[in-house]
Amino acid sequence: PYNGLGNALQSLGRNKEAIEAYRQAIAIDPKYAYPYNGLGNALQSLGRNKEAIEMYRKLIDLADKKKHDYWVKRAEKIIAKLKE
């Protein structure tokens, strides 16, 4: 539920609150990959790119590469863009 809350808050532009919701989701299940994507997005929107990269890397590490291929490739592209 916290991941969904984070998504809703982020869609409303309430990124600081979304970050807290994603962190709650991660605290409950640190091996669930999706909140790391949302957290990376929220951090990136606040210009916290170094932290965002860390979250995208965590997503890549945790994701099932076959099942979540889209999300892994997306995270890799975002990391590359943020490092430019």
Protein backbone atom coordinates (compact mmCIF):
# COMPACT_ATOMS: atom_id res chain seq x y z
CA PRO A 1 0.00 0.00 0.00
CA TYR A 2 2.84 2.44 0.70
CA ASN A 3 4.19 2.01 -2.82
CA GLY A 4 0.76 2.89 -4.22
CA LEU A 5 0.54 5.86 -1.86
CA GLY A 6 3.94 7.02 -3.06
CA ASN A 7 2.77 6.76 -6.67
CA ALA A 8 -0.37 8.76 -5.91
CA LEU A 9 1.53 11.46 -4.03
CA GLN A 10 4.11 11.71 -6.78
CA SER A 11 1.41 12.09 -9.43
CA LEU A 12 0.11 15.04 -7.40
CA GLY A 13 3.57 16.60 -7.36
CA ARG A 14 3.99 15.93 -3.65
CA ASN A 15 7.44 14.39 -4.06
CA LYS A 16 8.73 14.90 -0.53
CA GLU A 17 5.73 13.04 0.86
CA ALA A 18 6.09 10.40 -1.86
CA ILE A 19 9.68 9.81 -0.76
CA GLU A 20 8.49 9.04 2.76
CA ALA A 21 5.82 6.63 1.47
CA TYR A 22 8.36 4.80 -0.70
CA ARG A 23 10.75 4.58 2.24
CA GLN A 24 7.94 3.04 4.31
CA ALA A 25 7.34 0.46 1.58
CA ILE A 26 11.05 -0.36 1.52
CA ALA A 27 11.16 -0.66 5.31
CA ILE A 28 8.35 -3.23 5.17
CA ASP A 29 9.90 -5.27 2.35
CA PRO A 30 13.44 -4.21 1.34
CA LYS A 31 13.53 -6.85 -1.42
CA TYR A 32 10.45 -5.52 -3.25
CA ALA A 33 11.89 -3.72 -6.29
CA TYR A 34 9.10 -1.34 -7.31
CA PRO A 35 9.41 1.24 -4.50
CA TYR A 36 13.02 1.83 -5.50
CA ASN A 37 11.84 2.95 -8.93
CA GLY A 38 9.32 5.37 -7.45
CA LEU A 39 11.84 6.62 -4.93
CA GLY A 40 14.36 7.18 -7.71
CA ASN A 41 11.78 9.12 -9.71
CA ALA A 42 10.81 11.30 -6.75
CA LEU A 43 14.42 12.01 -5.83
CA GLN A 44 15.27 12.84 -9.43
CA SER A 45 12.35 15.29 -9.63
CA LEU A 46 13.85 17.13 -6.64
CA GLY A 47 17.28 17.27 -8.28
CA ARG A 48 18.75 14.68 -5.92
CA ASN A 49 20.32 12.76 -8.78
CA LYS A 50 23.08 10.95 -6.87
CA GLU A 51 20.50 9.44 -4.51
CA ALA A 52 18.21 8.67 -7.45
CA ILE A 53 20.98 6.73 -9.18
CA GLU A 54 21.47 4.66 -6.02
CA MET A 55 17.77 3.78 -5.96
CA TYR A 56 17.69 2.84 -9.65
CA ARG A 57 20.74 0.61 -9.09
CA LYS A 58 18.96 -1.06 -6.19
CA LEU A 59 15.95 -1.68 -8.46
CA ILE A 60 18.23 -3.29 -11.04
CA ASP A 61 19.83 -5.49 -8.38
CA LEU A 62 16.51 -6.70 -6.99
CA ALA A 63 14.39 -7.01 -10.12
CA ASP A 64 13.76 -10.28 -11.89
CA LYS A 65 15.57 -9.43 -15.12
CA LYS A 66 13.17 -11.40 -17.34
CA LYS A 67 9.93 -10.45 -15.65
CA HIS A 68 10.85 -6.79 -15.14
CA ASP A 69 12.92 -6.25 -18.27
CA TYR A 70 11.16 -2.96 -19.09
CA TRP A 71 11.87 -1.47 -15.65
CA VAL A 72 15.49 -2.64 -15.63
CA LYS A 73 16.20 -1.15 -19.07
CA ARG A 74 14.41 2.05 -18.11
CA ALA A 75 16.50 2.38 -14.94
CA GLU A 76 19.71 1.76 -16.88
CA LYS A 77 18.78 4.50 -19.37
CA ILE A 78 17.96 6.96 -16.60
CA ILE A 79 21.25 6.24 -14.82
CA ALA A 80 23.17 6.82 -18.05
CA LYS A 81 21.33 10.10 -18.64
CA LEU A 82 21.90 11.34 -15.09
CA LYS A 83 25.62 10.61 -15.32
CA GLU A 84 26.02 12.83 -18.44
